[in-house]
Amino acid sequence: MIRSGVVSNYVALAQLGRVSRSRVTQMTSLLNLAPDIQEEILFLRSKEAERLGISEPVLRKLTATLLWTKQREQWRSLRRPRITRVEN
């Protein structure tokens, strides 16, 4: 919407979406993810994301890494099933 000129900036976009400016910034930061990771996220089933512990805050941390090769390494690590240990 910003790119096409429908809204002028993140403030206007946030008002339109009835969210905070920081939430708009957080969501748009997901555009910094490598395209293949974005695609995987789009098709990730909610049950699988829950099982793997993949959430928006986790993805936000991943967007802080701007090198796609590093992102892919971190993403692969996130996609590995976690082994839970049962204590007696």
PDB file of N, CA and C in Angstrom:
ATOM      1  N   MET A   1       0.822  -1.191   0.000  1.00  0.00           N
ATOM      2  CA  MET A   1       0.000   0.000   0.000  1.00  0.00           C
ATOM      3  C   MET A   1       0.868   1.257   0.000  1.00  0.00           C
ATOM      4  N   ILE A   2       1.985   1.191   0.715  1.00  0.00           N
ATOM      5  CA  ILE A   2       2.906   2.329   0.708  1.00  0.00           C
ATOM      6  C   ILE A   2       3.533   2.464  -0.680  1.00  0.00           C
ATOM      7  N   ARG A   3       4.002   1.343  -1.206  1.00  0.00           N
ATOM      8  CA  ARG A   3       4.658   1.352  -2.507  1.00  0.00           C
ATOM      9  C   ARG A   3       3.740   1.875  -3.603  1.00  0.00           C
ATOM     10  N   SER A   4       2.461   1.520  -3.533  1.00  0.00           N
ATOM     11  CA  SER A   4       1.523   1.958  -4.569  1.00  0.00           C
ATOM     12  C   SER A   4       0.945   3.349  -4.303  1.00  0.00           C
ATOM     13  N   GLY A   5       1.251   3.926  -3.139  1.00  0.00           N
ATOM     14  CA  GLY A   5       0.797   5.281  -2.847  1.00  0.00           C
ATOM     15  C   GLY A   5      -0.569   5.377  -2.194  1.00  0.00           C
ATOM     16  N   VAL A   6      -1.156   4.230  -1.836  1.00  0.00           N
ATOM     17  CA  VAL A   6      -2.465   4.244  -1.169  1.00  0.00           C
ATOM     18  C   VAL A   6      -2.344   4.923   0.194  1.00  0.00           C
ATOM     19  N   VAL A   7      -1.259   4.634   0.892  1.00  0.00           N
ATOM     20  CA  VAL A   7      -0.946   5.322   2.150  1.00  0.00           C
ATOM     21  C   VAL A   7       0.468   5.888   2.019  1.00  0.00           C
ATOM     22  N   SER A   8       0.735   6.949   2.777  1.00  0.00           N
ATOM     23  CA  SER A   8       2.008   7.645   2.594  1.00  0.00           C
ATOM     24  C   SER A   8       3.149   7.091   3.443  1.00  0.00           C
ATOM     25  N   ASN A   9       2.821   6.464   4.587  1.00  0.00           N
ATOM     26  CA  ASN A   9       3.888   5.995   5.476  1.00  0.00           C
ATOM     27  C   ASN A   9       3.349   4.953   6.467  1.00  0.00           C
ATOM     28  N   TYR A  10       4.244   4.466   7.331  1.00  0.00           N
ATOM     29  CA  TYR A  10       3.862   3.438   8.306  1.00  0.00           C
ATOM     30  C   TYR A  10       2.830   3.945   9.310  1.00  0.00           C
ATOM     31  N   VAL A  11       2.877   5.227   9.622  1.00  0.00           N
ATOM     32  CA  VAL A  11       1.901   5.798  10.563  1.00  0.00           C
ATOM     33  C   VAL A  11       0.498   5.656   9.982  1.00  0.00           C
ATOM     34  N   ALA A  12       0.349   6.043   8.727  1.00  0.00           N
ATOM     35  CA  ALA A  12      -0.959   5.949   8.068  1.00  0.00           C
ATOM     36  C   ALA A  12      -1.395   4.492   7.929  1.00  0.00           C
ATOM     37  N   LEU A  13      -0.450   3.631   7.619  1.00  0.00           N
ATOM     38  CA  LEU A  13      -0.751   2.205   7.492  1.00  0.00           C
ATOM     39  C   LEU A  13      -1.203   1.627   8.828  1.00  0.00           C
ATOM     40  N   ALA A  14      -0.527   2.011   9.898  1.00  0.00           N
ATOM     41  CA  ALA A  14      -0.890   1.537  11.236  1.00  0.00           C
ATOM     42  C   ALA A  14      -2.295   2.018  11.614  1.00  0.00           C
ATOM     43  N   GLN A  15      -2.593   3.271  11.312  1.00  0.00           N
ATOM     44  CA  GLN A  15      -3.920   3.797  11.609  1.00  0.00           C
ATOM     45  C   GLN A  15      -4.984   3.046  10.824  1.00  0.00           C
ATOM     46  N   LEU A  16      -4.710   2.787   9.569  1.00  0.00           N
ATOM     47  CA  LEU A  16      -5.654   2.055   8.726  1.00  0.00           C
ATOM     48  C   LEU A  16      -5.886   0.637   9.252  1.00  0.00           C
ATOM     49  N   GLY A  17      -4.809  -0.012   9.683  1.00  0.00           N
ATOM     50  CA  GLY A  17      -4.916  -1.382  10.188  1.00  0.00           C
ATOM     51  C   GLY A  17      -5.260  -1.464  11.657  1.00  0.00           C
ATOM     52  N   ARG A  18      -5.371  -0.303  12.303  1.00  0.00           N
ATOM     53  CA  ARG A  18      -5.687  -0.233  13.736  1.00  0.00           C
ATOM     54  C   ARG A  18      -4.698  -1.021  14.596  1.00  0.00           C
ATOM     55  N   VAL A  19      -3.421  -0.814  14.260  1.00  0.00           N
ATOM     56  CA  VAL A  19      -2.331  -1.407  15.036  1.00  0.00           C
ATOM     57  C   VAL A  19      -1.311  -0.312  15.311  1.00  0.00           C
ATOM     58  N   SER A  20      -0.325  -0.614  16.127  1.00  0.00           N
ATOM     59  CA  SER A  20       0.715   0.374  16.436  1.00  0.00           C
ATOM     60  C   SER A  20       1.721   0.458  15.283  1.00  0.00           C
ATOM     61  N   ARG A  21       2.440   1.586  15.247  1.00  0.00           N
ATOM     62  CA  ARG A  21       3.502   1.738  14.250  1.00  0.00           C
ATOM     63  C   ARG A  21       4.564   0.668  14.438  1.00  0.00           C
ATOM     64  N   SER A  22       4.864   0.354  15.693  1.00  0.00           N
ATOM     65  CA  SER A  22       5.894  -0.656  15.933  1.00  0.00           C
ATOM     66  C   SER A  22       5.464  -2.022  15.402  1.00  0.00           C
ATOM     67  N   ARG A  23       4.172  -2.332  15.482  1.00  0.00           N
ATOM     68  CA  ARG A  23       3.682  -3.612  14.940  1.00  0.00           C
ATOM     69  C   ARG A  23       3.835  -3.635  13.423  1.00  0.00           C
ATOM     70  N   VAL A  24       3.564  -2.533  12.769  1.00  0.00           N
ATOM     71  CA  VAL A  24       3.750  -2.457  11.317  1.00  0.00           C
ATOM     72  C   VAL A  24       5.225  -2.670  10.982  1.00  0.00           C
ATOM     73  N   THR A  25       6.104  -2.041  11.735  1.00  0.00           N
ATOM     74  CA  THR A  25       7.542  -2.206  11.521  1.00  0.00           C
ATOM     75  C   THR A  25       7.954  -3.658  11.730  1.00  0.00           C
ATOM     76  N   GLN A  26       7.422  -4.285  12.783  1.00  0.00           N
ATOM     77  CA  GLN A  26       7.750  -5.689  13.049  1.00  0.00           C
ATOM     78  C   GLN A  26       7.306  -6.578  11.889  1.00  0.00           C
ATOM     79  N   MET A  27       6.114  -6.337  11.383  1.00  0.00           N
ATOM     80  CA  MET A  27       5.592  -7.166  10.293  1.00  0.00           C
ATOM     81  C   MET A  27       6.358  -6.929   8.991  1.00  0.00           C
ATOM     82  N   THR A  28       6.670  -5.673   8.704  1.00  0.00           N
ATOM     83  CA  THR A  28       7.400  -5.400   7.464  1.00  0.00           C
ATOM     84  C   THR A  28       8.844  -5.892   7.529  1.00  0.00           C
ATOM     85  N   SER A  29       9.383  -6.050   8.735  1.00  0.00           N
ATOM     86  CA  SER A  29      10.747  -6.581   8.848  1.00  0.00           C
ATOM     87  C   SER A  29      10.819  -8.019   8.340  1.00  0.00           C
ATOM     88  N   LEU A  30       9.681  -8.704   8.310  1.00  0.00           N
ATOM     89  CA  LEU A  30       9.661 -10.074   7.775  1.00  0.00           C
ATOM     90  C   LEU A  30      10.037 -10.093   6.298  1.00  0.00           C
ATOM     91  N   LEU A  31       9.928  -8.934   5.638  1.00  0.00           N
ATOM     92  CA  LEU A  31      10.342  -8.845   4.235  1.00  0.00           C
ATOM     93  C   LEU A  31      11.853  -8.977   4.084  1.00  0.00           C
ATOM     94  N   ASN A  32      12.595  -8.856   5.181  1.00  0.00           N
ATOM     95  CA  ASN A  32      14.055  -9.033   5.151  1.00  0.00           C
ATOM     96  C   ASN A  32      14.462 -10.504   5.125  1.00  0.00           C
ATOM     97  N   LEU A  33      13.507 -11.389   5.289  1.00  0.00           N
ATOM     98  CA  LEU A  33      13.819 -12.819   5.248  1.00  0.00           C
ATOM     99  C   LEU A  33      14.076 -13.260   3.809  1.00  0.00           C
ATOM    100  N   ALA A  34      14.933 -14.241   3.665  1.00  0.00           N
ATOM    101  CA  ALA A  34      15.203 -14.813   2.342  1.00  0.00           C
ATOM    102  C   ALA A  34      13.882 -15.282   1.729  1.00  0.00           C
ATOM    103  N   PRO A  35      13.699 -15.093   0.425  1.00  0.00           N
ATOM    104  CA  PRO A  35      12.438 -15.452  -0.222  1.00  0.00           C
ATOM    105  C   PRO A  35      12.003 -16.895   0.020  1.00  0.00           C
ATOM    106  N   ASP A  36      12.950 -17.836   0.018  1.00  0.00           N
ATOM    107  CA  ASP A  36      12.579 -19.236   0.234  1.00  0.00           C
ATOM    108  C   ASP A  36      12.066 -19.464   1.658  1.00  0.00           C
ATOM    109  N   ILE A  37      12.603 -18.725   2.627  1.00  0.00           N
ATOM    110  CA  ILE A  37      12.115 -18.840   4.008  1.00  0.00           C
ATOM    111  C   ILE A  37      10.712 -18.249   4.094  1.00  0.00           C
ATOM    112  N   GLN A  38      10.502 -17.109   3.444  1.00  0.00           N
ATOM    113  CA  GLN A  38       9.166 -16.509   3.419  1.00  0.00           C
ATOM    114  C   GLN A  38       8.147 -17.501   2.874  1.00  0.00           C
ATOM    115  N   GLU A  39       8.516 -18.173   1.801  1.00  0.00           N
ATOM    116  CA  GLU A  39       7.605 -19.139   1.190  1.00  0.00           C
ATOM    117  C   GLU A  39       7.305 -20.295   2.146  1.00  0.00           C
ATOM    118  N   GLU A  40       8.334 -20.803   2.804  1.00  0.00           N
ATOM    119  CA  GLU A  40       8.116 -21.894   3.757  1.00  0.00           C
ATOM    120  C   GLU A  40       7.182 -21.463   4.883  1.00  0.00           C
ATOM    121  N   ILE A  41       7.356 -20.233   5.352  1.00  0.00           N
ATOM    122  CA  ILE A  41       6.501 -19.720   6.422  1.00  0.00           C
ATOM    123  C   ILE A  41       5.051 -19.639   5.951  1.00  0.00           C
ATOM    124  N   LEU A  42       4.856 -19.183   4.714  1.00  0.00           N
ATOM    125  CA  LEU A  42       3.495 -19.067   4.178  1.00  0.00           C
ATOM    126  C   LEU A  42       2.766 -20.410   4.157  1.00  0.00           C
ATOM    127  N   PHE A  43       3.518 -21.479   3.919  1.00  0.00           N
ATOM    128  CA  PHE A  43       2.904 -22.804   3.820  1.00  0.00           C
ATOM    129  C   PHE A  43       3.069 -23.650   5.084  1.00  0.00           C
ATOM    130  N   LEU A  44       3.637 -23.063   6.122  1.00  0.00           N
ATOM    131  CA  LEU A  44       3.857 -23.790   7.371  1.00  0.00           C
ATOM    132  C   LEU A  44       2.525 -23.959   8.103  1.00  0.00           C
ATOM    133  N   ARG A  45       2.200 -25.182   8.399  1.00  0.00           N
ATOM    134  CA  ARG A  45       0.951 -25.451   9.129  1.00  0.00           C
ATOM    135  C   ARG A  45       1.103 -25.009  10.577  1.00  0.00           C
ATOM    136  N   SER A  46       0.029 -24.496  11.137  1.00  0.00           N
ATOM    137  CA  SER A  46       0.089 -23.957  12.495  1.00  0.00           C
ATOM    138  C   SER A  46       0.490 -25.026  13.517  1.00  0.00           C
ATOM    139  N   LYS A  47       0.031 -26.261  13.322  1.00  0.00           N
ATOM    140  CA  LYS A  47       0.400 -27.341  14.253  1.00  0.00           C
ATOM    141  C   LYS A  47       1.900 -27.607  14.212  1.00  0.00           C
ATOM    142  N   GLU A  48       2.472 -27.576  13.015  1.00  0.00           N
ATOM    143  CA  GLU A  48       3.911 -27.811  12.889  1.00  0.00           C
ATOM    144  C   GLU A  48       4.686 -26.650  13.509  1.00  0.00           C
ATOM    145  N   ALA A  49       4.238 -25.420  13.245  1.00  0.00           N
ATOM    146  CA  ALA A  49       4.900 -24.249  13.828  1.00  0.00           C
ATOM    147  C   ALA A  49       4.853 -24.321  15.346  1.00  0.00           C
ATOM    148  N   GLU A  50       3.725 -24.723  15.880  1.00  0.00           N
ATOM    149  CA  GLU A  50       3.576 -24.850  17.338  1.00  0.00           C
ATOM    150  C   GLU A  50       4.498 -25.935  17.878  1.00  0.00           C
ATOM    151  N   ARG A  51       4.541 -27.064  17.207  1.00  0.00           N
ATOM    152  CA  ARG A  51       5.388 -28.188  17.632  1.00  0.00           C
ATOM    153  C   ARG A  51       6.863 -27.798  17.637  1.00  0.00           C
ATOM    154  N   LEU A  52       7.269 -27.003  16.641  1.00  0.00           N
ATOM    155  CA  LEU A  52       8.665 -26.599  16.521  1.00  0.00           C
ATOM    156  C   LEU A  52       8.993 -25.344  17.327  1.00  0.00           C
ATOM    157  N   GLY A  53       7.976 -24.690  17.877  1.00  0.00           N
ATOM    158  CA  GLY A  53       8.202 -23.479  18.659  1.00  0.00           C
ATOM    159  C   GLY A  53       8.496 -22.260  17.798  1.00  0.00           C
ATOM    160  N   ILE A  54       7.986 -22.277  16.564  1.00  0.00           N
ATOM    161  CA  ILE A  54       8.198 -21.158  15.656  1.00  0.00           C
ATOM    162  C   ILE A  54       7.047 -20.177  15.832  1.00  0.00           C
ATOM    163  N   SER A  55       7.393 -18.957  16.220  1.00  0.00           N
ATOM    164  CA  SER A  55       6.399 -17.921  16.467  1.00  0.00           C
ATOM    165  C   SER A  55       6.871 -16.605  15.864  1.00  0.00           C
ATOM    166  N   GLU A  56       6.011 -15.604  15.896  1.00  0.00           N
ATOM    167  CA  GLU A  56       6.380 -14.294  15.346  1.00  0.00           C
ATOM    168  C   GLU A  56       7.604 -13.709  16.047  1.00  0.00           C
ATOM    169  N   PRO A  57       7.695 -13.738  17.373  1.00  0.00           N
ATOM    170  CA  PRO A  57       8.910 -13.219  18.007  1.00  0.00           C
ATOM    171  C   PRO A  57      10.179 -13.968  17.587  1.00  0.00           C
ATOM    172  N   VAL A  58      10.077 -15.266  17.384  1.00  0.00           N
ATOM    173  CA  VAL A  58      11.230 -16.057  16.934  1.00  0.00           C
ATOM    174  C   VAL A  58      11.625 -15.622  15.520  1.00  0.00           C
ATOM    175  N   LEU A  59      10.634 -15.426  14.671  1.00  0.00           N
ATOM    176  CA  LEU A  59      10.916 -14.986  13.306  1.00  0.00           C
ATOM    177  C   LEU A  59      11.486 -13.580  13.284  1.00  0.00           C
ATOM    178  N   ARG A  60      11.015 -12.737  14.186  1.00  0.00           N
ATOM    179  CA  ARG A  60      11.523 -11.364  14.275  1.00  0.00           C
ATOM    180  C   ARG A  60      13.018 -11.370  14.582  1.00  0.00           C
ATOM    181  N   LYS A  61      13.446 -12.281  15.460  1.00  0.00           N
ATOM    182  CA  LYS A  61      14.878 -12.403  15.759  1.00  0.00           C
ATOM    183  C   LYS A  61      15.650 -12.829  14.510  1.00  0.00           C
ATOM    184  N   LEU A  62      15.040 -13.700  13.731  1.00  0.00           N
ATOM    185  CA  LEU A  62      15.678 -14.169  12.507  1.00  0.00           C
ATOM    186  C   LEU A  62      15.863 -13.021  11.506  1.00  0.00           C
ATOM    187  N   THR A  63      14.939 -12.064  11.482  1.00  0.00           N
ATOM    188  CA  THR A  63      15.048 -10.937  10.546  1.00  0.00           C
ATOM    189  C   THR A  63      16.203 -10.010  10.893  1.00  0.00           C
ATOM    190  N   ALA A  64      16.725 -10.110  12.107  1.00  0.00           N
ATOM    191  CA  ALA A  64      17.864  -9.271  12.503  1.00  0.00           C
ATOM    192  C   ALA A  64      19.136  -9.690  11.777  1.00  0.00           C
ATOM    193  N   THR A  65      19.159 -10.910  11.272  1.00  0.00           N
ATOM    194  CA  THR A  65      20.289 -11.401  10.484  1.00  0.00           C
ATOM    195  C   THR A  65      20.009 -11.077   9.029  1.00  0.00           C
ATOM    196  N   LEU A  66      20.805 -10.195   8.454  1.00  0.00           N
ATOM    197  CA  LEU A  66      20.531  -9.741   7.093  1.00  0.00           C
ATOM    198  C   LEU A  66      21.164 -10.621   6.020  1.00  0.00           C
ATOM    199  N   LEU A  67      22.149 -11.440   6.387  1.00  0.00           N
ATOM    200  CA  LEU A  67      22.754 -12.351   5.406  1.00  0.00           C
ATOM    201  C   LEU A  67      21.859 -13.579   5.242  1.00  0.00           C
ATOM    202  N   TRP A  68      21.383 -13.766   4.033  1.00  0.00           N
ATOM    203  CA  TRP A  68      20.453 -14.863   3.790  1.00  0.00           C
ATOM    204  C   TRP A  68      21.064 -16.228   4.073  1.00  0.00           C
ATOM    205  N   THR A  69      22.361 -16.394   3.836  1.00  0.00           N
ATOM    206  CA  THR A  69      22.989 -17.686   4.128  1.00  0.00           C
ATOM    207  C   THR A  69      22.917 -17.987   5.625  1.00  0.00           C
ATOM    208  N   LYS A  70      23.150 -16.968   6.449  1.00  0.00           N
ATOM    209  CA  LYS A  70      23.062 -17.143   7.905  1.00  0.00           C
ATOM    210  C   LYS A  70      21.603 -17.390   8.317  1.00  0.00           C
ATOM    211  N   GLN A  71      20.674 -16.664   7.701  1.00  0.00           N
ATOM    212  CA  GLN A  71      19.252 -16.874   7.991  1.00  0.00           C
ATOM    213  C   GLN A  71      18.861 -18.322   7.704  1.00  0.00           C
ATOM    214  N   ARG A  72      19.324 -18.818   6.582  1.00  0.00           N
ATOM    215  CA  ARG A  72      18.973 -20.188   6.197  1.00  0.00           C
ATOM    216  C   ARG A  72      19.521 -21.193   7.201  1.00  0.00           C
ATOM    217  N   GLU A  73      20.733 -20.963   7.694  1.00  0.00           N
ATOM    218  CA  GLU A  73      21.297 -21.844   8.720  1.00  0.00           C
ATOM    219  C   GLU A  73      20.432 -21.804   9.979  1.00  0.00           C
ATOM    220  N   GLN A  74      20.069 -20.590  10.407  1.00  0.00           N
ATOM    221  CA  GLN A  74      19.240 -20.440  11.605  1.00  0.00           C
ATOM    222  C   GLN A  74      17.859 -21.053  11.386  1.00  0.00           C
ATOM    223  N   TRP A  75      17.306 -20.864  10.192  1.00  0.00           N
ATOM    224  CA  TRP A  75      15.984 -21.418   9.875  1.00  0.00           C
ATOM    225  C   TRP A  75      16.021 -22.946   9.921  1.00  0.00           C
ATOM    226  N   ARG A  76      17.065 -23.534   9.334  1.00  0.00           N
ATOM    227  CA  ARG A  76      17.186 -25.002   9.381  1.00  0.00           C
ATOM    228  C   ARG A  76      17.257 -25.485  10.824  1.00  0.00           C
ATOM    229  N   SER A  77      17.968 -24.759  11.645  1.00  0.00           N
ATOM    230  CA  SER A  77      18.068 -25.104  13.064  1.00  0.00           C
ATOM    231  C   SER A  77      16.698 -25.032  13.742  1.00  0.00           C
ATOM    232  N   LEU A  78      15.931 -24.019  13.400  1.00  0.00           N
ATOM    233  CA  LEU A  78      14.581 -23.884  13.973  1.00  0.00           C
ATOM    234  C   LEU A  78      13.665 -25.014  13.519  1.00  0.00           C
ATOM    235  N   ARG A  79      13.859 -25.471  12.300  1.00  0.00           N
ATOM    236  CA  ARG A  79      12.986 -26.505  11.726  1.00  0.00           C
ATOM    237  C   ARG A  79      13.275 -27.906  12.265  1.00  0.00           C
ATOM    238  N   ARG A  80      14.423 -28.057  12.942  1.00  0.00           N
ATOM    239  CA  ARG A  80      14.731 -29.382  13.511  1.00  0.00           C
ATOM    240  C   ARG A  80      13.828 -29.649  14.689  1.00  0.00           C
ATOM    241  N   PRO A  81      13.239 -30.825  14.737  1.00  0.00           N
ATOM    242  CA  PRO A  81      12.395 -31.149  15.887  1.00  0.00           C
ATOM    243  C   PRO A  81      13.213 -31.128  17.172  1.00  0.00           C
ATOM    244  N   ARG A  82      12.626 -30.567  18.191  1.00  0.00           N
ATOM    245  CA  ARG A  82      13.284 -30.511  19.492  1.00  0.00           C
ATOM    246  C   ARG A  82      12.999 -31.798  20.265  1.00  0.00           C
ATOM    247  N   ILE A  83      14.026 -32.316  20.888  1.00  0.00           N
ATOM    248  CA  ILE A  83      13.863 -33.521  21.698  1.00  0.00           C
ATOM    249  C   ILE A  83      13.600 -33.074  23.127  1.00  0.00           C
ATOM    250  N   THR A  84      12.473 -33.503  23.654  1.00  0.00           N
ATOM    251  CA  THR A  84      12.152 -33.130  25.030  1.00  0.00           C
ATOM    252  C   THR A  84      12.532 -34.264  25.960  1.00  0.00           C
ATOM    253  N   ARG A  85      13.115 -33.912  27.052  1.00  0.00           N
ATOM    254  CA  ARG A  85      13.557 -34.910  28.024  1.00  0.00           C
ATOM    255  C   ARG A  85      12.537 -34.991  29.152  1.00  0.00           C
ATOM    256  N   VAL A  86      12.152 -36.184  29.478  1.00  0.00           N
ATOM    257  CA  VAL A  86      11.204 -36.392  30.570  1.00  0.00           C
ATOM    258  C   VAL A  86      11.982 -36.730  31.807  1.00  0.00           C
ATOM    259  N   GLU A  87      11.755 -35.971  32.869  1.00  0.00           N
ATOM    260  CA  GLU A  87      12.440 -36.203  34.141  1.00  0.00           C
ATOM    261  C   GLU A  87      11.568 -37.109  35.016  1.00  0.00           C
ATOM    262  N   ASN A  88      12.202 -37.973  35.789  1.00  0.00           N
ATOM    263  CA  ASN A  88      11.454 -38.862  36.694  1.00  0.00           C
ATOM    264  C   ASN A  88      11.223 -38.221  38.018  1.00  0.00           C
TER     265      ASN A  88
END
